[in-house]
Amino acid sequence: MFIKIKKNSGIFMEHNGLEKQHLVPVTSNFLINLNHVAEVSFYTIKEKKVRYDLENHEFQLQPHTRVLHLHMAYPYAMMKENIKGIKGNLVERSYYKLYFLPEEMGQYDELRSKIEEHVLNL
């Protein structure tokens, strides 16, 4: 199953292809294959957090910003051979974090409900 993320000025994305604490606005539609996702979490930011855009301008995420965090499966991971100068292997799985600003809850609620339709709660 795919989920479609629609372009919207109230949605920002972070992934491990970006520098730490950098966000990009969602400026075009894209699909994520949920068959390749290993873990999904939903949470709400409780306090202001500082992030940066691609030009290193400070950006503040307000409280009540909702986050959809997708950790991809191990076949979509990167191997690092040097960890802080020490030889070894580290498997870093790809992830996507979608930040839905407080004024943009419609698409968040829709995505969350569709994902939860495929979850068995015991």
N, C-alpha and C. Protein backbone atom coordinates (compact mmCIF):
# COMPACT_ATOMS: atom_id res chain seq x y z
N MET A 1 0.84 -1.18 0.00
CA MET A 1 0.00 0.00 0.00
C MET A 1 0.88 1.24 0.00
N PHE A 2 0.48 2.23 -0.74
CA PHE A 2 1.18 3.50 -0.79
C PHE A 2 0.38 4.55 -0.02
N ILE A 3 1.09 5.49 0.58
CA ILE A 3 0.43 6.68 1.10
C ILE A 3 0.92 7.86 0.27
N LYS A 4 0.01 8.74 -0.04
CA LYS A 4 0.35 9.90 -0.85
C LYS A 4 0.45 11.11 0.06
N ILE A 5 1.59 11.78 0.00
CA ILE A 5 1.80 13.03 0.73
C ILE A 5 1.57 14.14 -0.28
N LYS A 6 0.59 14.98 -0.01
CA LYS A 6 0.24 16.05 -0.95
C LYS A 6 0.99 17.31 -0.59
N LYS A 7 1.41 18.05 -1.62
CA LYS A 7 2.13 19.30 -1.37
C LYS A 7 1.25 20.24 -0.56
N ASN A 8 1.89 20.89 0.40
CA ASN A 8 1.13 21.74 1.32
C ASN A 8 2.11 22.62 2.06
N SER A 9 1.76 23.87 2.27
CA SER A 9 2.66 24.79 2.96
C SER A 9 2.72 24.52 4.45
N GLY A 10 1.83 23.68 4.99
CA GLY A 10 1.83 23.38 6.42
C GLY A 10 2.51 22.07 6.77
N ILE A 11 3.20 21.45 5.79
CA ILE A 11 3.87 20.18 6.03
C ILE A 11 5.36 20.32 5.70
N PHE A 12 6.19 19.84 6.62
CA PHE A 12 7.64 19.86 6.43
C PHE A 12 8.16 18.44 6.61
N MET A 13 9.32 18.16 6.01
CA MET A 13 9.89 16.82 6.07
C MET A 13 11.34 16.87 6.50
N GLU A 14 11.73 15.85 7.25
CA GLU A 14 13.13 15.65 7.65
C GLU A 14 13.46 14.20 7.29
N HIS A 15 14.66 13.96 6.79
CA HIS A 15 15.11 12.58 6.55
C HIS A 15 16.61 12.54 6.71
N ASN A 16 17.16 11.35 6.79
CA ASN A 16 18.59 11.27 7.08
C ASN A 16 19.47 11.54 5.86
N GLY A 17 18.90 11.98 4.77
CA GLY A 17 19.69 12.49 3.66
C GLY A 17 20.02 13.97 3.83
N LEU A 18 19.39 14.60 4.81
CA LEU A 18 19.62 16.02 5.12
C LEU A 18 20.56 16.14 6.31
N GLU A 19 21.11 17.33 6.48
CA GLU A 19 21.89 17.59 7.69
C GLU A 19 20.97 17.52 8.90
N LYS A 20 21.55 17.24 10.07
CA LYS A 20 20.76 17.13 11.30
C LYS A 20 19.99 18.43 11.55
N GLN A 21 18.76 18.29 12.00
CA GLN A 21 17.86 19.37 12.38
C GLN A 21 17.47 20.29 11.23
N HIS A 22 17.55 19.80 10.01
CA HIS A 22 17.12 20.57 8.85
C HIS A 22 15.80 20.02 8.32
N LEU A 23 14.92 20.93 7.94
CA LEU A 23 13.62 20.58 7.39
C LEU A 23 13.47 21.15 6.00
N VAL A 24 12.67 20.47 5.19
CA VAL A 24 12.32 21.00 3.88
C VAL A 24 10.81 21.03 3.77
N PRO A 25 10.26 22.05 3.14
CA PRO A 25 8.80 22.06 2.95
C PRO A 25 8.42 21.04 1.88
N VAL A 26 7.23 20.49 2.01
CA VAL A 26 6.71 19.56 1.01
C VAL A 26 6.13 20.41 -0.11
N THR A 27 6.86 20.48 -1.24
CA THR A 27 6.47 21.35 -2.34
C THR A 27 5.95 20.58 -3.55
N SER A 28 5.91 19.24 -3.45
CA SER A 28 5.32 18.44 -4.52
C SER A 28 4.75 17.16 -3.91
N ASN A 29 3.82 16.56 -4.64
CA ASN A 29 3.22 15.32 -4.17
C ASN A 29 4.23 14.18 -4.29
N PHE A 30 4.21 13.23 -3.35
CA PHE A 30 5.04 12.04 -3.48
C PHE A 30 4.38 10.88 -2.75
N LEU A 31 4.82 9.67 -3.08
CA LEU A 31 4.26 8.44 -2.52
C LEU A 31 5.30 7.74 -1.67
N ILE A 32 4.84 7.11 -0.59
CA ILE A 32 5.71 6.27 0.24
C ILE A 32 5.07 4.88 0.26
N ASN A 33 5.88 3.88 -0.05
CA ASN A 33 5.41 2.50 -0.06
C ASN A 33 5.45 1.96 1.38
N LEU A 34 4.29 1.72 1.96
CA LEU A 34 4.23 1.24 3.34
C LEU A 34 4.75 -0.19 3.48
N ASN A 35 4.88 -0.92 2.39
CA ASN A 35 5.47 -2.27 2.46
C ASN A 35 6.96 -2.21 2.77
N HIS A 36 7.58 -1.06 2.63
CA HIS A 36 9.00 -0.90 2.89
C HIS A 36 9.25 -0.24 4.24
N VAL A 37 8.19 0.03 4.99
CA VAL A 37 8.31 0.68 6.29
C VAL A 37 8.34 -0.39 7.38
N ALA A 38 9.34 -0.30 8.27
CA ALA A 38 9.45 -1.26 9.37
C ALA A 38 8.75 -0.77 10.63
N GLU A 39 8.82 0.53 10.90
CA GLU A 39 8.23 1.09 12.11
C GLU A 39 7.55 2.42 11.79
N VAL A 40 6.42 2.64 12.45
CA VAL A 40 5.69 3.89 12.30
C VAL A 40 5.39 4.41 13.70
N SER A 41 5.61 5.70 13.91
CA SER A 41 5.20 6.28 15.19
C SER A 41 4.55 7.64 14.93
N PHE A 42 3.63 7.97 15.81
CA PHE A 42 2.90 9.23 15.76
C PHE A 42 3.13 9.92 17.10
N TYR A 43 3.44 11.18 17.06
CA TYR A 43 3.55 11.92 18.31
C TYR A 43 3.33 13.40 18.07
N THR A 44 3.18 14.14 19.17
CA THR A 44 2.94 15.58 19.12
C THR A 44 4.07 16.27 19.86
N ILE A 45 4.58 17.33 19.27
CA ILE A 45 5.64 18.12 19.91
C ILE A 45 5.01 18.95 21.03
N LYS A 46 5.60 18.88 22.22
CA LYS A 46 5.03 19.54 23.39
C LYS A 46 5.60 20.94 23.64
N GLU A 47 6.79 21.21 23.13
CA GLU A 47 7.41 22.52 23.35
C GLU A 47 8.08 22.99 22.06
N LYS A 48 8.40 24.28 21.99
CA LYS A 48 9.03 24.82 20.77
C LYS A 48 10.36 24.12 20.50
N LYS A 49 10.59 23.83 19.23
CA LYS A 49 11.86 23.22 18.80
C LYS A 49 12.42 24.05 17.66
N VAL A 50 13.72 24.22 17.67
CA VAL A 50 14.39 24.99 16.63
C VAL A 50 14.91 24.03 15.57
N ARG A 51 14.57 24.31 14.32
CA ARG A 51 15.08 23.58 13.17
C ARG A 51 15.57 24.61 12.16
N TYR A 52 16.15 24.15 11.06
CA TYR A 52 16.73 25.04 10.06
C TYR A 52 16.24 24.64 8.68
N ASP A 53 16.10 25.65 7.80
CA ASP A 53 15.77 25.34 6.42
C ASP A 53 17.06 25.05 5.66
N LEU A 54 16.97 24.84 4.35
CA LEU A 54 18.15 24.48 3.57
C LEU A 54 19.17 25.60 3.46
N GLU A 55 18.76 26.83 3.75
CA GLU A 55 19.68 27.97 3.72
C GLU A 55 20.16 28.34 5.12
N ASN A 56 19.97 27.42 6.07
CA ASN A 56 20.38 27.59 7.48
C ASN A 56 19.67 28.72 8.20
N HIS A 57 18.49 29.10 7.76
CA HIS A 57 17.68 30.07 8.50
C HIS A 57 16.94 29.32 9.60
N GLU A 58 16.88 29.92 10.78
CA GLU A 58 16.22 29.29 11.91
C GLU A 58 14.71 29.21 11.68
N PHE A 59 14.14 28.12 12.07
CA PHE A 59 12.71 27.87 11.91
C PHE A 59 12.22 27.25 13.22
N GLN A 60 11.14 27.77 13.77
CA GLN A 60 10.63 27.25 15.04
C GLN A 60 9.39 26.40 14.81
N LEU A 61 9.43 25.18 15.32
CA LEU A 61 8.26 24.32 15.31
C LEU A 61 7.47 24.61 16.58
N GLN A 62 6.22 24.92 16.41
CA GLN A 62 5.36 25.30 17.52
C GLN A 62 4.86 24.06 18.27
N PRO A 63 4.50 24.23 19.55
CA PRO A 63 3.85 23.13 20.27
C PRO A 63 2.58 22.70 19.52
N HIS A 64 2.21 21.47 19.68
CA HIS A 64 1.05 20.86 19.02
C HIS A 64 1.29 20.54 17.55
N THR A 65 2.56 20.64 17.11
CA THR A 65 2.91 20.15 15.78
C THR A 65 2.91 18.64 15.85
N ARG A 66 2.23 18.00 14.92
CA ARG A 66 2.15 16.54 14.92
C ARG A 66 3.18 15.96 13.98
N VAL A 67 3.71 14.79 14.36
CA VAL A 67 4.79 14.17 13.60
C VAL A 67 4.40 12.74 13.23
N LEU A 68 4.64 12.41 11.99
CA LEU A 68 4.52 11.04 11.50
C LEU A 68 5.95 10.58 11.19
N HIS A 69 6.45 9.60 11.95
CA HIS A 69 7.83 9.15 11.83
C HIS A 69 7.83 7.75 11.23
N LEU A 70 8.45 7.61 10.05
CA LEU A 70 8.52 6.35 9.33
C LEU A 70 9.96 5.87 9.28
N HIS A 71 10.23 4.72 9.89
CA HIS A 71 11.55 4.09 9.80
C HIS A 71 11.47 3.00 8.75
N MET A 72 12.32 3.06 7.76
CA MET A 72 12.27 2.11 6.67
C MET A 72 12.91 0.78 7.08
N ALA A 73 12.64 -0.28 6.33
CA ALA A 73 13.16 -1.61 6.61
C ALA A 73 14.67 -1.66 6.34
N TYR A 74 15.31 -2.69 6.87
CA TYR A 74 16.77 -2.82 6.76
C TYR A 74 17.30 -2.89 5.33
N PRO A 75 16.60 -3.45 4.35
CA PRO A 75 17.14 -3.40 2.98
C PRO A 75 17.34 -1.98 2.46
N TYR A 76 16.74 -0.99 3.13
CA TYR A 76 16.89 0.41 2.72
C TYR A 76 17.75 1.16 3.72
N ALA A 77 18.84 0.53 4.11
CA ALA A 77 19.76 1.10 5.09
C ALA A 77 21.10 1.38 4.43
N MET A 78 21.90 2.22 5.10
CA MET A 78 23.25 2.54 4.64
C MET A 78 24.24 1.94 5.63
N MET A 79 25.35 1.46 5.11
CA MET A 79 26.41 0.92 5.97
C MET A 79 27.49 1.98 6.13
N LYS A 80 27.86 2.27 7.35
CA LYS A 80 28.97 3.17 7.63
C LYS A 80 30.12 2.32 8.15
N GLU A 81 31.31 2.51 7.55
CA GLU A 81 32.44 1.69 7.95
C GLU A 81 33.29 2.35 9.02
N ASN A 82 33.25 3.66 9.10
CA ASN A 82 33.99 4.37 10.14
C ASN A 82 33.02 5.13 11.01
N ILE A 83 33.11 4.89 12.30
CA ILE A 83 32.24 5.56 13.26
C ILE A 83 33.13 6.39 14.16
N LYS A 84 33.11 7.70 13.96
CA LYS A 84 33.94 8.64 14.73
C LYS A 84 35.42 8.22 14.71
N GLY A 85 35.89 7.83 13.52
CA GLY A 85 37.29 7.50 13.35
C GLY A 85 37.65 6.07 13.71
N ILE A 86 36.74 5.29 14.22
CA ILE A 86 36.99 3.91 14.60
C ILE A 86 36.39 3.00 13.55
N LYS A 87 37.18 2.01 13.12
CA LYS A 87 36.67 1.08 12.11
C LYS A 87 35.62 0.18 12.72
N GLY A 88 34.59 -0.06 11.97
CA GLY A 88 33.49 -0.91 12.40
C GLY A 88 32.33 -0.71 11.45
N ASN A 89 31.27 -1.41 11.67
CA ASN A 89 30.10 -1.29 10.82
C ASN A 89 28.91 -0.78 11.62
N LEU A 90 28.21 0.15 11.03
CA LEU A 90 26.99 0.66 11.62
C LEU A 90 25.93 0.68 10.53
N VAL A 91 24.81 0.09 10.81
CA VAL A 91 23.71 0.08 9.85
C VAL A 91 22.78 1.22 10.24
N GLU A 92 22.62 2.17 9.33
CA GLU A 92 21.74 3.31 9.58
C GLU A 92 20.54 3.20 8.65
N ARG A 93 19.38 2.91 9.24
CA ARG A 93 18.17 2.78 8.44
C ARG A 93 17.67 4.16 8.01
N SER A 94 17.09 4.20 6.84
CA SER A 94 16.50 5.44 6.34
C SER A 94 15.24 5.75 7.13
N TYR A 95 14.96 7.03 7.31
CA TYR A 95 13.73 7.43 7.98
C TYR A 95 13.19 8.70 7.34
N TYR A 96 11.92 8.91 7.55
CA TYR A 96 11.24 10.13 7.12
C TYR A 96 10.41 10.61 8.30
N LYS A 97 10.53 11.89 8.60
CA LYS A 97 9.67 12.51 9.61
C LYS A 97 8.88 13.60 8.90
N LEU A 98 7.59 13.49 9.00
CA LEU A 98 6.70 14.50 8.41
C LEU A 98 6.12 15.31 9.55
N TYR A 99 6.34 16.62 9.51
CA TYR A 99 5.86 17.54 10.53
C TYR A 99 4.64 18.27 9.99
N PHE A 100 3.52 18.12 10.69
CA PHE A 100 2.27 18.76 10.30
C PHE A 100 2.03 19.90 11.28
N LEU A 101 2.13 21.14 10.81
CA LEU A 101 1.94 22.30 11.68
C LEU A 101 0.54 22.28 12.28
N PRO A 102 0.34 22.92 13.43
CA PRO A 102 -0.97 22.86 14.11
C PRO A 102 -2.15 23.26 13.23
N GLU A 103 -1.94 24.17 12.29
CA GLU A 103 -3.06 24.59 11.43
C GLU A 103 -3.33 23.59 10.30
N GLU A 104 -2.46 22.58 10.11
CA GLU A 104 -2.63 21.59 9.05
C GLU A 104 -2.87 20.20 9.66
N MET A 105 -4.07 19.95 10.14
CA MET A 105 -4.35 18.67 10.77
C MET A 105 -5.13 17.73 9.87
N GLY A 106 -5.76 18.25 8.82
CA GLY A 106 -6.59 17.42 7.97
C GLY A 106 -5.85 16.25 7.34
N GLN A 107 -4.72 16.53 6.71
CA GLN A 107 -3.98 15.47 6.04
C GLN A 107 -3.34 14.52 7.05
N TYR A 108 -2.90 15.05 8.19
CA TYR A 108 -2.33 14.20 9.24
C TYR A 108 -3.36 13.18 9.72
N ASP A 109 -4.56 13.66 10.06
CA ASP A 109 -5.61 12.77 10.55
C ASP A 109 -5.98 11.72 9.50
N GLU A 110 -6.03 12.13 8.25
CA GLU A 110 -6.37 11.20 7.16
C GLU A 110 -5.30 10.12 7.02
N LEU A 111 -4.01 10.52 7.02
CA LEU A 111 -2.92 9.55 6.90
C LEU A 111 -2.89 8.60 8.09
N ARG A 112 -3.05 9.15 9.28
CA ARG A 112 -3.01 8.31 10.47
C ARG A 112 -4.14 7.29 10.47
N SER A 113 -5.33 7.71 10.11
CA SER A 113 -6.45 6.77 10.10
C SER A 113 -6.26 5.67 9.07
N LYS A 114 -5.70 6.00 7.90
CA LYS A 114 -5.46 4.99 6.87
C LYS A 114 -4.40 3.98 7.32
N ILE A 115 -3.35 4.47 7.98
CA ILE A 115 -2.30 3.55 8.48
C ILE A 115 -2.87 2.66 9.58
N GLU A 116 -3.64 3.24 10.49
CA GLU A 116 -4.18 2.47 11.60
C GLU A 116 -5.24 1.46 11.18
N GLU A 117 -5.81 1.62 9.98
CA GLU A 117 -6.74 0.60 9.47
C GLU A 117 -6.04 -0.73 9.27
N HIS A 118 -4.73 -0.71 9.09
CA HIS A 118 -3.95 -1.92 8.81
C HIS A 118 -3.20 -2.42 10.04
N VAL A 119 -3.62 -1.96 11.22
CA VAL A 119 -2.96 -2.35 12.47
C VAL A 119 -3.91 -3.21 13.27
N LEU A 120 -3.40 -4.33 13.77
CA LEU A 120 -4.18 -5.20 14.64
C LEU A 120 -3.82 -4.86 16.08
N ASN A 121 -4.76 -4.34 16.83
CA ASN A 121 -4.55 -4.02 18.24
C ASN A 121 -5.02 -5.18 19.08
N LEU A 122 -4.12 -5.71 19.89
CA LEU A 122 -4.48 -6.83 20.77
C LEU A 122 -4.53 -6.37 22.20
